[in-house]
Amino acid sequence: MRIHDNLALNAFLQKSSFGIVIWCPTKSYEEANHFRKKFIDDNLESFSKNLFKLGHVLIKGTSHFSLELVEILKAQQIKSLFFTLEYAYDECFEEKVVSNLCENFGIEFISFDQGAMISIENLPFEIIELPFIFSDFRKKIELQININHTQNLAIDFELDVSLDGEAKALQRLREFIWETPSLANYKNTRNGLMNFNDSSKFSPWLSVGALSPRKIYEELKRYETEVQANESTYWLFFELLWRDYFKFLSKKFGNHFFTLAGLPGVKTIHHPVVLDLKLFQSWCNGETEEPFVNANMKELNNTGFMSNRGRQNVASFLVHQLHLPWTWGASYFEKQLIDYDPDVNWGNWLYFSGRGTDPRARLFNIKKQATDYDPLGEYQAKWNKI
């Protein structure tokens, strides 16, 4: 949902004098809470306004894209279909259905790999050979890093600023990197719970495609050249690498990424899973025995946001202390988080469950975590009063 660095849109505009842009809801969108839905809707509306300024119309479908496409093909003479490649199992399955439809109707099917910072074709290995451990992945990437430059349209209009869309994403990028000291101190503040600039807050716009990961990388490298390179600037790059890693891992393992058993071949000792809906609901509502867990869950339920530190703690508590299925937690986050991304969300939960690429039990001492990251109890006091 962006004009900048949108390879599919660029190709579409260069090749077509007339065309339509289509967005269709997914099952995940339909089941999302109002915070996530509103964020997606706002970004979609903002993107629609920007497309209109380019002379094109965005159509909002009401069913899955493959079903909408059949009706469009009956009504329109479509020659080419441009789209962005995805990584998660359901999205890849839908792409295959659409690809077969296009083949049957004689339509050119043109895909673009632009969801991650690093394109799959630029990896120093095939996806099937993706290193299982993140540190091995990181080392191989850093030895042969190859990130494509952004490709931007020359536009003569202001991006829509009335809604929480692309213009707001680019504004946040400027604020975090250039207009505040946030980036320079990021490694020290990233686990903060109270201040907005403790972390980048890029993830919601990344999740809907309103902000290009390559754009972030380019601004980061420019900052390192013009201002300074330090541990904090590296750490932002490090977290973009984690995001890519989960996307490629999702692509490699397909549906295993989303099942309780987790990735094949992982050898670890698991505790019995407890299928206790009442216990799960207490976790969802922030009504557990741990005030720190409760505060994080209440922030999520009331805003659609939770810090990375909070996510690690509530995941550890659900999996290793309540012994509930990790997939229940991942599914709940899918409904609640405004920055929900299938690969990143399920990848992180898989990692914490011990059924992914780290078979160690990520068992946190919640009380110590609360003392370390909320020493005055301000965060807990703020959210547990709700």
Protein backbone atom coordinates (compact mmCIF):
# COMPACT_ATOMS: atom_id res chain seq x y z
CA MET A 1 0.00 0.00 0.00
CA ARG A 2 2.64 2.50 -1.08
CA ILE A 3 3.77 4.64 -3.99
CA HIS A 4 7.48 4.69 -3.08
CA ASP A 5 9.63 1.67 -3.97
CA ASN A 6 6.70 -0.33 -5.31
CA LEU A 7 8.10 -2.45 -8.13
CA ALA A 8 4.74 -3.94 -9.08
CA LEU A 9 3.12 -0.51 -9.30
CA ASN A 10 6.06 0.89 -11.28
CA ALA A 11 5.82 -1.90 -13.85
CA PHE A 12 2.05 -1.61 -14.02
CA LEU A 13 2.21 2.15 -14.72
CA GLN A 14 4.98 1.76 -17.31
CA LYS A 15 3.21 -1.00 -19.22
CA SER A 16 -0.45 -0.02 -18.91
CA SER A 17 -2.26 3.09 -20.05
CA PHE A 18 -5.33 1.86 -18.19
CA GLY A 19 -5.84 -0.65 -15.43
CA ILE A 20 -7.28 -1.32 -12.02
CA VAL A 21 -5.73 -1.98 -8.64
CA ILE A 22 -7.51 -4.60 -6.53
CA TRP A 23 -7.42 -5.25 -2.78
CA CYS A 24 -9.31 -8.13 -1.23
CA PRO A 25 -9.87 -9.07 2.41
CA THR A 26 -8.30 -12.18 3.85
CA LYS A 27 -9.64 -14.45 6.56
CA SER A 28 -7.07 -12.89 8.88
CA TYR A 29 -8.44 -9.41 8.16
CA GLU A 30 -12.03 -10.54 8.67
CA GLU A 31 -11.19 -11.97 12.11
CA ALA A 32 -9.06 -9.01 13.24
CA ASN A 33 -10.09 -6.71 16.08
CA HIS A 34 -11.14 -3.12 15.41
CA PHE A 35 -7.66 -1.62 16.02
CA ARG A 36 -6.02 -3.74 13.35
CA LYS A 37 -8.93 -3.40 10.92
CA LYS A 38 -8.98 0.39 11.29
CA PHE A 39 -5.23 0.62 10.67
CA ILE A 40 -5.52 -1.50 7.51
CA ASP A 41 -8.59 0.43 6.35
CA ASP A 42 -6.89 3.79 6.89
CA ASN A 43 -3.81 2.70 4.95
CA LEU A 44 -5.97 1.31 2.16
CA GLU A 45 -7.99 4.52 1.89
CA SER A 46 -4.83 6.63 1.88
CA PHE A 47 -3.30 4.42 -0.83
CA SER A 48 -6.52 4.74 -2.83
CA LYS A 49 -6.31 8.54 -2.68
CA ASN A 50 -2.70 8.48 -3.84
CA LEU A 51 -3.52 6.12 -6.71
CA PHE A 52 -6.37 8.42 -7.76
CA LYS A 53 -3.86 11.27 -8.07
CA LEU A 54 -1.94 9.02 -10.47
CA GLY A 55 -5.11 8.52 -12.48
CA HIS A 56 -5.96 5.02 -11.28
CA VAL A 57 -8.73 3.50 -9.21
CA LEU A 58 -8.49 1.01 -6.36
CA ILE A 59 -11.27 -1.56 -6.13
CA LYS A 60 -12.05 -3.16 -2.78
CA GLY A 61 -13.21 -6.73 -3.19
CA THR A 62 -15.47 -8.52 -0.76
CA SER A 63 -14.11 -12.07 -1.07
CA HIS A 64 -10.79 -13.83 -1.63
CA PHE A 65 -8.78 -12.46 -4.53
CA SER A 66 -9.01 -15.61 -6.64
CA LEU A 67 -12.82 -15.47 -6.45
CA GLU A 68 -12.90 -11.75 -7.26
CA LEU A 69 -10.54 -12.29 -10.17
CA VAL A 70 -12.86 -14.76 -11.85
CA GLU A 71 -15.63 -12.14 -11.91
CA ILE A 72 -13.28 -9.42 -13.14
CA LEU A 73 -12.01 -11.64 -15.94
CA LYS A 74 -15.57 -12.18 -17.08
CA ALA A 75 -16.23 -8.43 -17.21
CA GLN A 76 -12.88 -6.98 -18.31
CA GLN A 77 -10.24 -7.68 -20.92
CA ILE A 78 -7.20 -8.21 -18.72
CA LYS A 79 -3.82 -8.71 -20.38
CA SER A 80 -1.41 -8.68 -17.42
CA LEU A 81 -1.53 -9.15 -13.66
CA PHE A 82 1.15 -7.52 -11.47
CA PHE A 83 1.58 -8.57 -7.85
CA THR A 84 3.97 -8.81 -4.90
CA LEU A 85 5.29 -12.22 -3.89
CA GLU A 86 4.44 -13.45 -0.40
CA TYR A 87 6.12 -15.99 1.88
CA ALA A 88 3.50 -17.54 4.19
CA TYR A 89 1.77 -20.81 3.30
CA ASP A 90 -1.81 -19.55 2.81
CA GLU A 91 -0.69 -16.56 0.76
CA CYS A 92 1.54 -18.76 -1.43
CA PHE A 93 -1.34 -21.18 -1.96
CA GLU A 94 -3.59 -18.30 -3.09
CA GLU A 95 -0.85 -17.12 -5.46
CA LYS A 96 -0.76 -20.58 -7.04
CA VAL A 97 -4.53 -20.54 -7.53
CA VAL A 98 -4.32 -17.10 -9.16
CA SER A 99 -1.37 -18.19 -11.31
CA ASN A 100 -3.37 -21.15 -12.63
CA LEU A 101 -6.34 -18.88 -13.35
CA CYS A 102 -4.15 -16.52 -15.33
CA GLU A 103 -2.66 -19.39 -17.28
CA ASN A 104 -6.13 -20.69 -18.13
CA PHE A 105 -7.25 -17.24 -19.32
CA GLY A 106 -4.02 -16.50 -21.18
CA ILE A 107 -3.04 -13.63 -18.89
CA GLU A 108 0.56 -12.58 -18.27
CA PHE A 109 1.41 -13.19 -14.60
CA ILE A 110 4.18 -10.87 -13.35
CA SER A 111 5.50 -11.11 -9.79
CA PHE A 112 7.83 -8.88 -7.78
CA ASP A 113 9.86 -9.81 -4.72
CA GLN A 114 9.68 -6.72 -2.51
CA GLY A 115 8.28 -7.75 0.86
CA ALA A 116 11.66 -8.25 2.53
CA MET A 117 14.78 -6.10 2.71
CA ILE A 118 16.74 -8.73 0.77
CA SER A 119 15.27 -10.25 -2.38
CA ILE A 120 15.28 -14.04 -2.55
CA GLU A 121 17.30 -13.89 -5.77
CA ASN A 122 20.02 -11.95 -3.91
CA LEU A 123 20.49 -14.52 -1.17
CA PRO A 124 23.90 -16.26 -1.24
CA PHE A 125 22.08 -19.62 -1.10
CA GLU A 126 18.85 -21.23 -2.28
CA ILE A 127 15.83 -21.05 0.05
CA ILE A 128 16.03 -24.81 0.60
CA GLU A 129 19.58 -24.25 1.91
CA LEU A 130 18.57 -21.45 4.31
CA PRO A 131 20.65 -21.85 7.49
CA PHE A 132 18.54 -23.22 10.32
CA ILE A 133 20.08 -20.96 12.98
CA PHE A 134 19.69 -17.19 12.73
CA SER A 135 23.32 -16.42 13.62
CA ASP A 136 24.50 -18.64 10.75
CA PHE A 137 22.07 -16.86 8.42
CA ARG A 138 23.27 -13.45 9.60
CA LYS A 139 26.96 -14.29 9.13
CA LYS A 140 26.41 -15.54 5.58
CA ILE A 141 24.36 -12.47 4.66
CA GLU A 142 26.88 -10.04 6.12
CA LEU A 143 29.70 -11.68 4.16
CA GLN A 144 27.87 -11.17 0.84
CA ILE A 145 25.25 -8.51 1.51
CA ASN A 146 23.28 -7.57 -1.60
CA ILE A 147 20.28 -5.28 -1.14
CA ASN A 148 18.58 -3.71 -4.14
CA HIS A 149 18.27 0.07 -4.33
CA THR A 150 14.81 1.54 -3.95
CA GLN A 151 12.98 2.40 -7.16
CA ASN A 152 10.73 5.42 -6.80
CA LEU A 153 8.22 7.07 -9.08
CA ALA A 154 8.74 10.70 -9.96
CA ILE A 155 5.47 12.19 -8.66
CA ASP A 156 4.31 15.79 -8.76
CA PHE A 157 1.80 15.64 -5.93
CA GLU A 158 1.75 15.45 -2.14
CA LEU A 159 0.95 12.08 -0.62
CA ASP A 160 -2.30 11.91 1.31
CA VAL A 161 -1.78 12.95 4.94
CA SER A 162 -5.39 12.74 6.13
CA LEU A 163 -5.11 9.11 7.24
CA ASP A 164 -2.59 6.79 8.87
CA GLY A 165 -0.96 5.72 5.61
CA GLU A 166 2.24 6.02 3.60
CA ALA A 167 2.87 9.70 4.32
CA LYS A 168 2.67 9.02 8.07
CA ALA A 169 5.04 6.08 7.64
CA LEU A 170 7.64 8.23 5.88
CA GLN A 171 7.16 10.96 8.46
CA ARG A 172 7.84 8.45 11.24
CA LEU A 173 10.97 7.29 9.39
CA ARG A 174 12.26 10.89 9.27
CA GLU A 175 11.42 11.47 12.92
CA PHE A 176 13.14 8.35 14.21
CA ILE A 177 16.29 8.60 12.10
CA TRP A 178 16.80 12.31 11.45
CA GLU A 179 14.67 14.58 13.63
CA THR A 180 15.22 13.00 17.07
CA PRO A 181 18.20 11.25 18.74
CA SER A 182 16.18 8.03 18.80
CA LEU A 183 18.29 6.02 16.37
CA ALA A 184 21.58 6.98 18.00
CA ASN A 185 20.34 5.58 21.33
CA TYR A 186 18.21 2.74 20.00
CA LYS A 187 20.18 -0.18 21.45
CA ASN A 188 19.79 1.30 24.94
CA THR A 189 16.10 2.22 24.66
CA ARG A 190 14.65 -0.60 22.53
CA ASN A 191 13.33 -2.50 25.55
CA GLY A 192 11.61 0.54 27.00
CA LEU A 193 7.93 0.32 27.82
CA MET A 194 6.77 3.89 28.40
CA ASN A 195 8.18 6.23 25.74
CA PHE A 196 7.06 6.29 22.12
CA ASN A 197 10.58 6.80 20.76
CA ASP A 198 12.03 3.87 22.70
CA SER A 199 11.52 1.80 19.54
CA SER A 200 11.09 2.63 15.87
CA LYS A 201 7.34 1.80 15.55
CA PHE A 202 7.95 1.02 11.86
CA SER A 203 6.36 -2.45 12.09
CA PRO A 204 2.69 -1.51 11.52
CA TRP A 205 3.48 0.18 8.19
CA LEU A 206 5.91 -2.59 7.22
CA SER A 207 3.16 -5.15 7.83
CA VAL A 208 0.74 -3.54 5.35
CA GLY A 209 3.40 -2.59 2.83
CA ALA A 210 3.08 1.17 3.39
CA LEU A 211 6.80 1.40 4.20
CA SER A 212 9.54 -0.31 2.22
CA PRO A 213 12.17 -2.20 4.25
CA ARG A 214 14.70 -1.16 1.60
CA LYS A 215 13.78 2.48 2.20
CA ILE A 216 14.56 2.02 5.91
CA TYR A 217 17.88 0.38 5.03
CA GLU A 218 18.85 3.21 2.67
CA GLU A 219 18.04 5.89 5.24
CA LEU A 220 19.93 3.92 7.88
CA LYS A 221 23.06 3.67 5.71
CA ARG A 222 22.82 7.37 4.82
CA TYR A 223 22.67 8.20 8.53
CA GLU A 224 25.72 6.03 9.17
CA THR A 225 27.59 7.87 6.39
CA GLU A 226 26.51 11.42 7.24
CA VAL A 227 26.16 11.26 11.05
CA GLN A 228 27.53 8.16 12.78
CA ALA A 229 27.57 4.39 12.78
CA ASN A 230 27.33 2.75 16.19
CA GLU A 231 25.85 -0.27 17.97
CA SER A 232 22.37 1.28 17.75
CA THR A 233 22.43 1.72 13.97
CA TYR A 234 23.67 -1.84 13.60
CA TRP A 235 20.89 -3.07 15.87
CA LEU A 236 18.18 -1.62 13.64
CA PHE A 237 19.75 -3.43 10.68
CA PHE A 238 20.00 -6.56 12.87
CA GLU A 239 16.25 -6.47 13.52
CA LEU A 240 15.46 -5.98 9.82
CA LEU A 241 17.57 -9.10 9.24
CA TRP A 242 15.47 -11.01 11.79
CA ARG A 243 12.36 -9.95 9.89
CA ASP A 244 13.82 -11.27 6.63
CA TYR A 245 14.96 -14.48 8.31
CA PHE A 246 11.44 -15.29 9.51
CA LYS A 247 10.04 -14.61 6.04
CA PHE A 248 12.53 -16.91 4.36
CA LEU A 249 12.03 -19.55 7.08
CA SER A 250 8.28 -19.37 6.47
CA LYS A 251 8.84 -19.77 2.74
CA LYS A 252 11.11 -22.79 3.31
CA PHE A 253 8.93 -24.71 5.77
CA GLY A 254 5.45 -23.85 4.51
CA ASN A 255 2.58 -25.08 6.66
CA HIS A 256 4.93 -26.51 9.33
CA PHE A 257 5.47 -22.90 10.37
CA PHE A 258 1.86 -22.69 11.58
CA THR A 259 1.29 -26.08 13.25
CA LEU A 260 1.59 -27.06 16.90
CA ALA A 261 4.30 -29.64 16.14
CA GLY A 262 6.46 -26.92 14.62
CA LEU A 263 9.39 -27.44 12.30
CA PRO A 264 10.30 -31.01 11.28
CA GLY A 265 13.44 -32.49 12.77
CA VAL A 266 13.54 -30.31 15.90
CA LYS A 267 14.66 -32.50 18.80
CA THR A 268 13.71 -31.12 22.18
CA ILE A 269 11.80 -32.24 25.27
CA HIS A 270 8.33 -30.70 25.47
CA HIS A 271 6.02 -30.54 28.45
CA PRO A 272 2.45 -31.80 28.00
CA VAL A 273 0.16 -29.20 26.43
CA VAL A 274 -2.82 -28.10 28.51
CA LEU A 275 -6.02 -27.44 26.55
CA ASP A 276 -7.62 -25.15 29.14
CA LEU A 277 -9.80 -22.46 27.57
CA LYS A 278 -10.53 -20.78 30.90
CA LEU A 279 -6.82 -20.48 31.63
CA PHE A 280 -6.22 -19.15 28.12
CA GLN A 281 -8.96 -16.54 28.54
CA SER A 282 -7.34 -15.31 31.74
CA TRP A 283 -4.12 -14.80 29.77
CA CYS A 284 -6.00 -13.01 26.97
CA ASN A 285 -7.76 -10.70 29.42
CA GLY A 286 -4.68 -9.92 31.48
CA GLU A 287 -6.05 -11.69 34.55
CA THR A 288 -3.15 -13.97 35.47
CA GLU A 289 -1.09 -14.17 38.64
CA GLU A 290 1.65 -12.03 37.04
CA PRO A 291 1.04 -8.24 37.03
CA PHE A 292 3.71 -7.69 34.36
CA VAL A 293 2.01 -10.14 31.99
CA ASN A 294 -1.36 -8.57 32.76
CA ALA A 295 -0.15 -5.04 32.01
CA ASN A 296 1.23 -6.08 28.62
CA MET A 297 -1.95 -7.93 27.67
CA LYS A 298 -4.10 -4.97 28.68
CA GLU A 299 -2.00 -2.61 26.59
CA LEU A 300 -2.45 -4.96 23.63
CA ASN A 301 -6.19 -5.26 24.14
CA ASN A 302 -6.66 -1.50 24.50
CA THR A 303 -4.31 -0.26 21.76
CA GLY A 304 -3.35 -3.08 19.39
CA PHE A 305 0.29 -2.59 20.39
CA MET A 306 2.74 -4.44 22.63
CA SER A 307 6.49 -3.88 22.95
CA ASN A 308 8.94 -6.54 21.86
CA ARG A 309 9.96 -7.06 25.49
CA GLY A 310 6.33 -7.54 26.44
CA ARG A 311 5.74 -10.02 23.62
CA GLN A 312 8.64 -12.18 24.78
CA ASN A 313 7.39 -12.23 28.36
CA VAL A 314 3.75 -13.04 27.65
CA ALA A 315 4.79 -15.72 25.14
CA SER A 316 7.18 -17.33 27.61
CA PHE A 317 4.49 -17.26 30.30
CA LEU A 318 1.81 -18.83 28.09
CA VAL A 319 4.05 -21.59 26.70
CA HIS A 320 6.35 -22.49 29.59
CA GLN A 321 4.33 -21.66 32.70
CA LEU A 322 0.70 -22.09 31.68
CA HIS A 323 1.66 -24.91 29.24
CA LEU A 324 -0.95 -23.76 26.73
CA PRO A 325 -0.50 -24.38 22.98
CA TRP A 326 1.80 -21.79 21.46
CA THR A 327 -0.50 -21.66 18.44
CA TRP A 328 -3.29 -20.26 20.65
CA GLY A 329 -1.08 -17.34 21.58
CA ALA A 330 0.02 -16.75 17.99
CA SER A 331 -3.61 -16.80 16.80
CA TYR A 332 -4.66 -14.31 19.48
CA PHE A 333 -1.84 -11.96 18.50
CA GLU A 334 -2.94 -12.30 14.86
CA LYS A 335 -6.33 -10.85 15.78
CA GLN A 336 -5.05 -8.13 18.11
CA LEU A 337 -1.80 -6.69 16.77
CA ILE A 338 -1.96 -3.74 14.40
CA ASP A 339 1.47 -4.77 13.09
CA TYR A 340 0.50 -8.40 12.49
CA ASP A 341 2.71 -10.06 9.89
CA PRO A 342 2.20 -13.83 9.43
CA ASP A 343 5.87 -14.68 9.04
CA VAL A 344 7.14 -12.48 11.86
CA ASN A 345 4.34 -13.20 14.34
CA TRP A 346 4.26 -16.97 13.91
CA GLY A 347 8.03 -17.10 13.54
CA ASN A 348 8.57 -15.41 16.89
CA TRP A 349 6.02 -17.63 18.65
CA LEU A 350 7.56 -20.72 17.05
CA TYR A 351 10.97 -19.58 18.28
CA PHE A 352 9.74 -19.15 21.85
CA SER A 353 7.87 -22.45 21.83
CA GLY A 354 11.05 -24.49 21.45
CA ARG A 355 9.60 -26.06 18.30
CA GLY A 356 11.40 -23.75 15.89
CA THR A 357 15.04 -22.94 15.26
CA ASP A 358 15.90 -22.57 18.95
CA PRO A 359 15.04 -25.78 20.83
CA ARG A 360 15.96 -24.23 24.19
CA ALA A 361 13.10 -23.44 26.56
CA ARG A 362 12.74 -19.65 26.50
CA LEU A 363 11.54 -19.62 30.10
CA PHE A 364 11.64 -16.09 31.50
CA ASN A 365 11.63 -15.17 35.17
CA ILE A 366 8.70 -12.78 34.83
CA LYS A 367 9.22 -11.05 38.18
CA LYS A 368 12.89 -10.39 37.38
CA GLN A 369 11.91 -9.10 33.95
CA ALA A 370 9.43 -6.72 35.58
CA THR A 371 12.13 -5.48 37.97
CA ASP A 372 14.66 -5.05 35.15
CA TYR A 373 12.39 -3.29 32.67
CA ASP A 374 9.78 -1.64 34.88
CA PRO A 375 11.78 -0.96 38.07
CA LEU A 376 9.41 1.72 39.40
CA GLY A 377 6.30 -0.19 38.39
CA GLU A 378 5.05 2.74 36.28
CA TYR A 379 4.11 0.63 33.29
CA GLN A 380 2.23 -1.90 35.40
CA ALA A 381 0.47 0.82 37.33
CA LYS A 382 -0.64 2.51 34.10
CA TRP A 383 -2.20 -0.53 32.48
CA ASN A 384 -3.35 -2.62 35.42
CA LYS A 385 -5.66 0.13 36.61
CA ILE A 386 -7.79 -0.44 33.50
